[in-house]
Amino acid sequence: MRFIKVASQAFRIRLTRIAQGIRRIIGAPDYERYLAHVLKCHPTESPLSREAFARDALARRYNQPGNRCC
């Protein structure tokens, strides 16, 4: 039974890493990576909520001149 639990945890970790890699490739924002960065590099600042982070990521992506093809 313990083997199944360990294998399941290992599978979940690999799946999470694959998902993170895909997000980086397609340019999707990664909230967990952002949280780790804020906690490590800016410990005195409070991180954005998940919703605020998503809004900020979209604004940075689409509100800059020259960032769109059309």
PDB file of N, CA and C in Angstrom:
ATOM      1  N   MET A   1       0.824  -1.199   0.000  1.00  0.00           N
ATOM      2  CA  MET A   1       0.000   0.000   0.000  1.00  0.00           C
ATOM      3  C   MET A   1       0.865   1.259   0.000  1.00  0.00           C
ATOM      4  N   ARG A   2       1.956   1.224   0.763  1.00  0.00           N
ATOM      5  CA  ARG A   2       2.847   2.378   0.836  1.00  0.00           C
ATOM      6  C   ARG A   2       3.461   2.669  -0.533  1.00  0.00           C
ATOM      7  N   PHE A   3       3.791   1.626  -1.296  1.00  0.00           N
ATOM      8  CA  PHE A   3       4.362   1.810  -2.620  1.00  0.00           C
ATOM      9  C   PHE A   3       3.413   2.588  -3.525  1.00  0.00           C
ATOM     10  N   ILE A   4       2.129   2.266  -3.456  1.00  0.00           N
ATOM     11  CA  ILE A   4       1.138   2.958  -4.286  1.00  0.00           C
ATOM     12  C   ILE A   4       1.057   4.424  -3.900  1.00  0.00           C
ATOM     13  N   LYS A   5       1.111   4.710  -2.599  1.00  0.00           N
ATOM     14  CA  LYS A   5       1.053   6.094  -2.134  1.00  0.00           C
ATOM     15  C   LYS A   5       2.272   6.879  -2.606  1.00  0.00           C
ATOM     16  N   VAL A   6       3.454   6.295  -2.495  1.00  0.00           N
ATOM     17  CA  VAL A   6       4.686   6.954  -2.931  1.00  0.00           C
ATOM     18  C   VAL A   6       4.682   7.148  -4.443  1.00  0.00           C
ATOM     19  N   ALA A   7       4.245   6.134  -5.177  1.00  0.00           N
ATOM     20  CA  ALA A   7       4.175   6.231  -6.638  1.00  0.00           C
ATOM     21  C   ALA A   7       3.181   7.300  -7.050  1.00  0.00           C
ATOM     22  N   SER A   8       2.073   7.382  -6.338  1.00  0.00           N
ATOM     23  CA  SER A   8       1.064   8.394  -6.636  1.00  0.00           C
ATOM     24  C   SER A   8       1.614   9.799  -6.400  1.00  0.00           C
ATOM     25  N   GLN A   9       2.348   9.993  -5.320  1.00  0.00           N
ATOM     26  CA  GLN A   9       2.947  11.298  -5.031  1.00  0.00           C
ATOM     27  C   GLN A   9       3.983  11.660  -6.092  1.00  0.00           C
ATOM     28  N   ALA A  10       4.795  10.698  -6.482  1.00  0.00           N
ATOM     29  CA  ALA A  10       5.804  10.946  -7.511  1.00  0.00           C
ATOM     30  C   ALA A  10       5.139  11.311  -8.837  1.00  0.00           C
ATOM     31  N   PHE A  11       4.066  10.630  -9.175  1.00  0.00           N
ATOM     32  CA  PHE A  11       3.339  10.927 -10.410  1.00  0.00           C
ATOM     33  C   PHE A  11       2.772  12.347 -10.364  1.00  0.00           C
ATOM     34  N   ARG A  12       2.191  12.724  -9.211  1.00  0.00           N
ATOM     35  CA  ARG A  12       1.634  14.068  -9.061  1.00  0.00           C
ATOM     36  C   ARG A  12       2.713  15.142  -9.210  1.00  0.00           C
ATOM     37  N   ILE A  13       3.882  14.896  -8.637  1.00  0.00           N
ATOM     38  CA  ILE A  13       4.988  15.854  -8.749  1.00  0.00           C
ATOM     39  C   ILE A  13       5.417  15.993 -10.211  1.00  0.00           C
ATOM     40  N   ARG A  14       5.555  14.880 -10.896  1.00  0.00           N
ATOM     41  CA  ARG A  14       5.944  14.929 -12.323  1.00  0.00           C
ATOM     42  C   ARG A  14       4.894  15.640 -13.162  1.00  0.00           C
ATOM     43  N   LEU A  15       3.641  15.359 -12.888  1.00  0.00           N
ATOM     44  CA  LEU A  15       2.563  15.999 -13.633  1.00  0.00           C
ATOM     45  C   LEU A  15       2.567  17.510 -13.390  1.00  0.00           C
ATOM     46  N   THR A  16       2.804  17.931 -12.166  1.00  0.00           N
ATOM     47  CA  THR A  16       2.888  19.353 -11.840  1.00  0.00           C
ATOM     48  C   THR A  16       4.033  20.012 -12.586  1.00  0.00           C
ATOM     49  N   ARG A  17       5.172  19.358 -12.625  1.00  0.00           N
ATOM     50  CA  ARG A  17       6.335  19.920 -13.337  1.00  0.00           C
ATOM     51  C   ARG A  17       6.087  20.006 -14.837  1.00  0.00           C
ATOM     52  N   ILE A  18       5.424  19.023 -15.389  1.00  0.00           N
ATOM     53  CA  ILE A  18       5.087  19.065 -16.819  1.00  0.00           C
ATOM     54  C   ILE A  18       4.147  20.235 -17.091  1.00  0.00           C
ATOM     55  N   ALA A  19       3.142  20.412 -16.230  1.00  0.00           N
ATOM     56  CA  ALA A  19       2.192  21.520 -16.401  1.00  0.00           C
ATOM     57  C   ALA A  19       2.915  22.866 -16.303  1.00  0.00           C
ATOM     58  N   GLN A  20       3.853  22.996 -15.370  1.00  0.00           N
ATOM     59  CA  GLN A  20       4.616  24.239 -15.246  1.00  0.00           C
ATOM     60  C   GLN A  20       5.431  24.497 -16.505  1.00  0.00           C
ATOM     61  N   GLY A  21       6.041  23.453 -17.043  1.00  0.00           N
ATOM     62  CA  GLY A  21       6.818  23.598 -18.271  1.00  0.00           C
ATOM     63  C   GLY A  21       5.955  24.039 -19.444  1.00  0.00           C
ATOM     64  N   ILE A  22       4.784  23.457 -19.558  1.00  0.00           N
ATOM     65  CA  ILE A  22       3.872  23.835 -20.643  1.00  0.00           C
ATOM     66  C   ILE A  22       3.442  25.291 -20.483  1.00  0.00           C
ATOM     67  N   ARG A  23       3.142  25.705 -19.234  1.00  0.00           N
ATOM     68  CA  ARG A  23       2.764  27.107 -19.012  1.00  0.00           C
ATOM     69  C   ARG A  23       3.877  28.056 -19.444  1.00  0.00           C
ATOM     70  N   ARG A  24       5.110  27.699 -19.133  1.00  0.00           N
ATOM     71  CA  ARG A  24       6.242  28.553 -19.545  1.00  0.00           C
ATOM     72  C   ARG A  24       6.361  28.623 -21.061  1.00  0.00           C
ATOM     73  N   ILE A  25       6.169  27.496 -21.720  1.00  0.00           N
ATOM     74  CA  ILE A  25       6.288  27.456 -23.179  1.00  0.00           C
ATOM     75  C   ILE A  25       5.232  28.333 -23.838  1.00  0.00           C
ATOM     76  N   ILE A  26       3.988  28.256 -23.364  1.00  0.00           N
ATOM     77  CA  ILE A  26       2.923  29.026 -24.008  1.00  0.00           C
ATOM     78  C   ILE A  26       2.782  30.434 -23.436  1.00  0.00           C
ATOM     79  N   GLY A  27       3.543  30.748 -22.397  1.00  0.00           N
ATOM     80  CA  GLY A  27       3.517  32.100 -21.847  1.00  0.00           C
ATOM     81  C   GLY A  27       2.381  32.367 -20.875  1.00  0.00           C
ATOM     82  N   ALA A  28       1.786  31.308 -20.340  1.00  0.00           N
ATOM     83  CA  ALA A  28       0.700  31.481 -19.361  1.00  0.00           C
ATOM     84  C   ALA A  28       1.286  31.834 -17.999  1.00  0.00           C
ATOM     85  N   PRO A  29       0.611  32.677 -17.248  1.00  0.00           N
ATOM     86  CA  PRO A  29       1.124  33.042 -15.927  1.00  0.00           C
ATOM     87  C   PRO A  29       1.093  31.850 -14.965  1.00  0.00           C
ATOM     88  N   ASP A  30       2.088  31.772 -14.094  1.00  0.00           N
ATOM     89  CA  ASP A  30       2.211  30.672 -13.140  1.00  0.00           C
ATOM     90  C   ASP A  30       2.167  31.253 -11.733  1.00  0.00           C
ATOM     91  N   TYR A  31       1.024  31.164 -11.087  1.00  0.00           N
ATOM     92  CA  TYR A  31       0.823  31.795  -9.789  1.00  0.00           C
ATOM     93  C   TYR A  31       1.718  31.173  -8.713  1.00  0.00           C
ATOM     94  N   GLU A  32       1.882  29.865  -8.725  1.00  0.00           N
ATOM     95  CA  GLU A  32       2.716  29.218  -7.712  1.00  0.00           C
ATOM     96  C   GLU A  32       4.165  29.684  -7.823  1.00  0.00           C
ATOM     97  N   ARG A  33       4.650  29.823  -9.040  1.00  0.00           N
ATOM     98  CA  ARG A  33       6.016  30.316  -9.245  1.00  0.00           C
ATOM     99  C   ARG A  33       6.141  31.758  -8.761  1.00  0.00           C
ATOM    100  N   TYR A  34       5.128  32.566  -9.030  1.00  0.00           N
ATOM    101  CA  TYR A  34       5.098  33.951  -8.560  1.00  0.00           C
ATOM    102  C   TYR A  34       5.143  34.000  -7.032  1.00  0.00           C
ATOM    103  N   LEU A  35       4.331  33.159  -6.365  1.00  0.00           N
ATOM    104  CA  LEU A  35       4.322  33.138  -4.905  1.00  0.00           C
ATOM    105  C   LEU A  35       5.694  32.776  -4.341  1.00  0.00           C
ATOM    106  N   ALA A  36       6.327  31.769  -4.917  1.00  0.00           N
ATOM    107  CA  ALA A  36       7.654  31.369  -4.453  1.00  0.00           C
ATOM    108  C   ALA A  36       8.645  32.515  -4.604  1.00  0.00           C
ATOM    109  N   HIS A  37       8.565  33.237  -5.715  1.00  0.00           N
ATOM    110  CA  HIS A  37       9.457  34.368  -5.958  1.00  0.00           C
ATOM    111  C   HIS A  37       9.225  35.482  -4.938  1.00  0.00           C
ATOM    112  N   VAL A  38       7.961  35.824  -4.713  1.00  0.00           N
ATOM    113  CA  VAL A  38       7.651  36.906  -3.771  1.00  0.00           C
ATOM    114  C   VAL A  38       8.122  36.546  -2.366  1.00  0.00           C
ATOM    115  N   LEU A  39       7.867  35.320  -1.940  1.00  0.00           N
ATOM    116  CA  LEU A  39       8.269  34.914  -0.596  1.00  0.00           C
ATOM    117  C   LEU A  39       9.790  34.888  -0.433  1.00  0.00           C
ATOM    118  N   LYS A  40      10.493  34.530  -1.498  1.00  0.00           N
ATOM    119  CA  LYS A  40      11.956  34.445  -1.419  1.00  0.00           C
ATOM    120  C   LYS A  40      12.615  35.812  -1.562  1.00  0.00           C
ATOM    121  N   CYS A  41      12.206  36.596  -2.538  1.00  0.00           N
ATOM    122  CA  CYS A  41      12.903  37.840  -2.875  1.00  0.00           C
ATOM    123  C   CYS A  41      12.292  39.090  -2.250  1.00  0.00           C
ATOM    124  N   HIS A  42      11.026  39.043  -1.891  1.00  0.00           N
ATOM    125  CA  HIS A  42      10.338  40.216  -1.338  1.00  0.00           C
ATOM    126  C   HIS A  42       9.535  39.810  -0.096  1.00  0.00           C
ATOM    127  N   PRO A  43      10.206  39.328   0.944  1.00  0.00           N
ATOM    128  CA  PRO A  43       9.478  38.785   2.098  1.00  0.00           C
ATOM    129  C   PRO A  43       8.639  39.806   2.867  1.00  0.00           C
ATOM    130  N   THR A  44       8.942  41.093   2.727  1.00  0.00           N
ATOM    131  CA  THR A  44       8.175  42.100   3.461  1.00  0.00           C
ATOM    132  C   THR A  44       6.909  42.520   2.714  1.00  0.00           C
ATOM    133  N   GLU A  45       6.799  42.174   1.436  1.00  0.00           N
ATOM    134  CA  GLU A  45       5.629  42.538   0.640  1.00  0.00           C
ATOM    135  C   GLU A  45       4.595  41.416   0.684  1.00  0.00           C
ATOM    136  N   SER A  46       3.335  41.798   0.617  1.00  0.00           N
ATOM    137  CA  SER A  46       2.292  40.767   0.557  1.00  0.00           C
ATOM    138  C   SER A  46       2.014  40.455  -0.913  1.00  0.00           C
ATOM    139  N   PRO A  47       1.891  39.167  -1.256  1.00  0.00           N
ATOM    140  CA  PRO A  47       1.651  38.790  -2.657  1.00  0.00           C
ATOM    141  C   PRO A  47       0.231  39.131  -3.091  1.00  0.00           C
ATOM    142  N   LEU A  48       0.062  39.255  -4.400  1.00  0.00           N
ATOM    143  CA  LEU A  48      -1.263  39.483  -4.983  1.00  0.00           C
ATOM    144  C   LEU A  48      -2.126  38.235  -4.813  1.00  0.00           C
ATOM    145  N   SER A  49      -3.416  38.426  -4.813  1.00  0.00           N
ATOM    146  CA  SER A  49      -4.316  37.272  -4.830  1.00  0.00           C
ATOM    147  C   SER A  49      -4.220  36.609  -6.208  1.00  0.00           C
ATOM    148  N   ARG A  50      -4.734  35.408  -6.308  1.00  0.00           N
ATOM    149  CA  ARG A  50      -4.693  34.693  -7.594  1.00  0.00           C
ATOM    150  C   ARG A  50      -5.410  35.485  -8.683  1.00  0.00           C
ATOM    151  N   GLU A  51      -6.552  36.085  -8.333  1.00  0.00           N
ATOM    152  CA  GLU A  51      -7.325  36.862  -9.313  1.00  0.00           C
ATOM    153  C   GLU A  51      -6.578  38.131  -9.717  1.00  0.00           C
ATOM    154  N   ALA A  52      -6.000  38.838  -8.749  1.00  0.00           N
ATOM    155  CA  ALA A  52      -5.246  40.054  -9.060  1.00  0.00           C
ATOM    156  C   ALA A  52      -4.016  39.725  -9.890  1.00  0.00           C
ATOM    157  N   PHE A  53      -3.383  38.600  -9.593  1.00  0.00           N
ATOM    158  CA  PHE A  53      -2.216  38.167 -10.375  1.00  0.00           C
ATOM    159  C   PHE A  53      -2.613  37.904 -11.828  1.00  0.00           C
ATOM    160  N   ALA A  54      -3.745  37.242 -12.033  1.00  0.00           N
ATOM    161  CA  ALA A  54      -4.206  36.941 -13.395  1.00  0.00           C
ATOM    162  C   ALA A  54      -4.530  38.230 -14.152  1.00  0.00           C
ATOM    163  N   ARG A  55      -5.209  39.175 -13.488  1.00  0.00           N
ATOM    164  CA  ARG A  55      -5.517  40.464 -14.138  1.00  0.00           C
ATOM    165  C   ARG A  55      -4.235  41.202 -14.503  1.00  0.00           C
ATOM    166  N   ASP A  56      -3.273  41.213 -13.582  1.00  0.00           N
ATOM    167  CA  ASP A  56      -2.006  41.903 -13.833  1.00  0.00           C
ATOM    168  C   ASP A  56      -1.239  41.260 -14.988  1.00  0.00           C
ATOM    169  N   ALA A  57      -1.235  39.936 -15.023  1.00  0.00           N
ATOM    170  CA  ALA A  57      -0.538  39.221 -16.101  1.00  0.00           C
ATOM    171  C   ALA A  57      -1.167  39.536 -17.457  1.00  0.00           C
ATOM    172  N   LEU A  58      -2.494  39.563 -17.523  1.00  0.00           N
ATOM    173  CA  LEU A  58      -3.165  39.900 -18.781  1.00  0.00           C
ATOM    174  C   LEU A  58      -2.900  41.346 -19.178  1.00  0.00           C
ATOM    175  N   ALA A  59      -2.918  42.248 -18.212  1.00  0.00           N
ATOM    176  CA  ALA A  59      -2.646  43.656 -18.505  1.00  0.00           C
ATOM    177  C   ALA A  59      -1.230  43.831 -19.035  1.00  0.00           C
ATOM    178  N   ARG A  60      -0.269  43.171 -18.395  1.00  0.00           N
ATOM    179  CA  ARG A  60       1.120  43.275 -18.873  1.00  0.00           C
ATOM    180  C   ARG A  60       1.265  42.693 -20.273  1.00  0.00           C
ATOM    181  N   ARG A  61       0.512  41.661 -20.555  1.00  0.00           N
ATOM    182  CA  ARG A  61       0.638  41.006 -21.859  1.00  0.00           C
ATOM    183  C   ARG A  61      -0.006  41.807 -22.987  1.00  0.00           C
ATOM    184  N   TYR A  62      -1.169  42.417 -22.733  1.00  0.00           N
ATOM    185  CA  TYR A  62      -1.919  43.032 -23.817  1.00  0.00           C
ATOM    186  C   TYR A  62      -1.951  44.553 -23.820  1.00  0.00           C
ATOM    187  N   ASN A  63      -1.545  45.210 -22.759  1.00  0.00           N
ATOM    188  CA  ASN A  63      -1.645  46.663 -22.712  1.00  0.00           C
ATOM    189  C   ASN A  63      -0.372  47.392 -23.108  1.00  0.00           C
ATOM    190  N   GLN A  64       0.646  46.679 -23.501  1.00  0.00           N
ATOM    191  CA  GLN A  64       1.874  47.317 -23.923  1.00  0.00           C
ATOM    192  C   GLN A  64       1.836  47.559 -25.431  1.00  0.00           C
ATOM    193  N   PRO A  65       2.179  48.782 -25.867  1.00  0.00           N
ATOM    194  CA  PRO A  65       2.189  49.059 -27.315  1.00  0.00           C
ATOM    195  C   PRO A  65       3.207  48.149 -28.033  1.00  0.00           C
ATOM    196  N   GLY A  66       2.838  47.722 -29.202  1.00  0.00           N
ATOM    197  CA  GLY A  66       3.732  46.884 -29.983  1.00  0.00           C
ATOM    198  C   GLY A  66       3.711  45.430 -29.573  1.00  0.00           C
ATOM    199  N   ASN A  67       2.846  45.057 -28.657  1.00  0.00           N
ATOM    200  CA  ASN A  67       2.790  43.693 -28.183  1.00  0.00           C
ATOM    201  C   ASN A  67       1.801  42.825 -28.948  1.00  0.00           C
ATOM    202  N   ARG A  68       1.024  43.440 -29.801  1.00  0.00           N
ATOM    203  CA  ARG A  68       0.018  42.701 -30.548  1.00  0.00           C
ATOM    204  C   ARG A  68       0.304  42.788 -32.033  1.00  0.00           C
ATOM    205  N   CYS A  69      -0.162  41.793 -32.750  1.00  0.00           N
ATOM    206  CA  CYS A  69       0.093  41.784 -34.186  1.00  0.00           C
ATOM    207  C   CYS A  69      -0.969  42.583 -34.953  1.00  0.00           C
ATOM    208  N   CYS A  70      -2.138  42.781 -34.387  1.00  0.00           N
ATOM    209  CA  CYS A  70      -3.234  43.443 -35.118  1.00  0.00           C
ATOM    210  C   CYS A  70      -3.701  44.702 -34.420  1.00  0.00           C
TER     211      CYS A  70
END
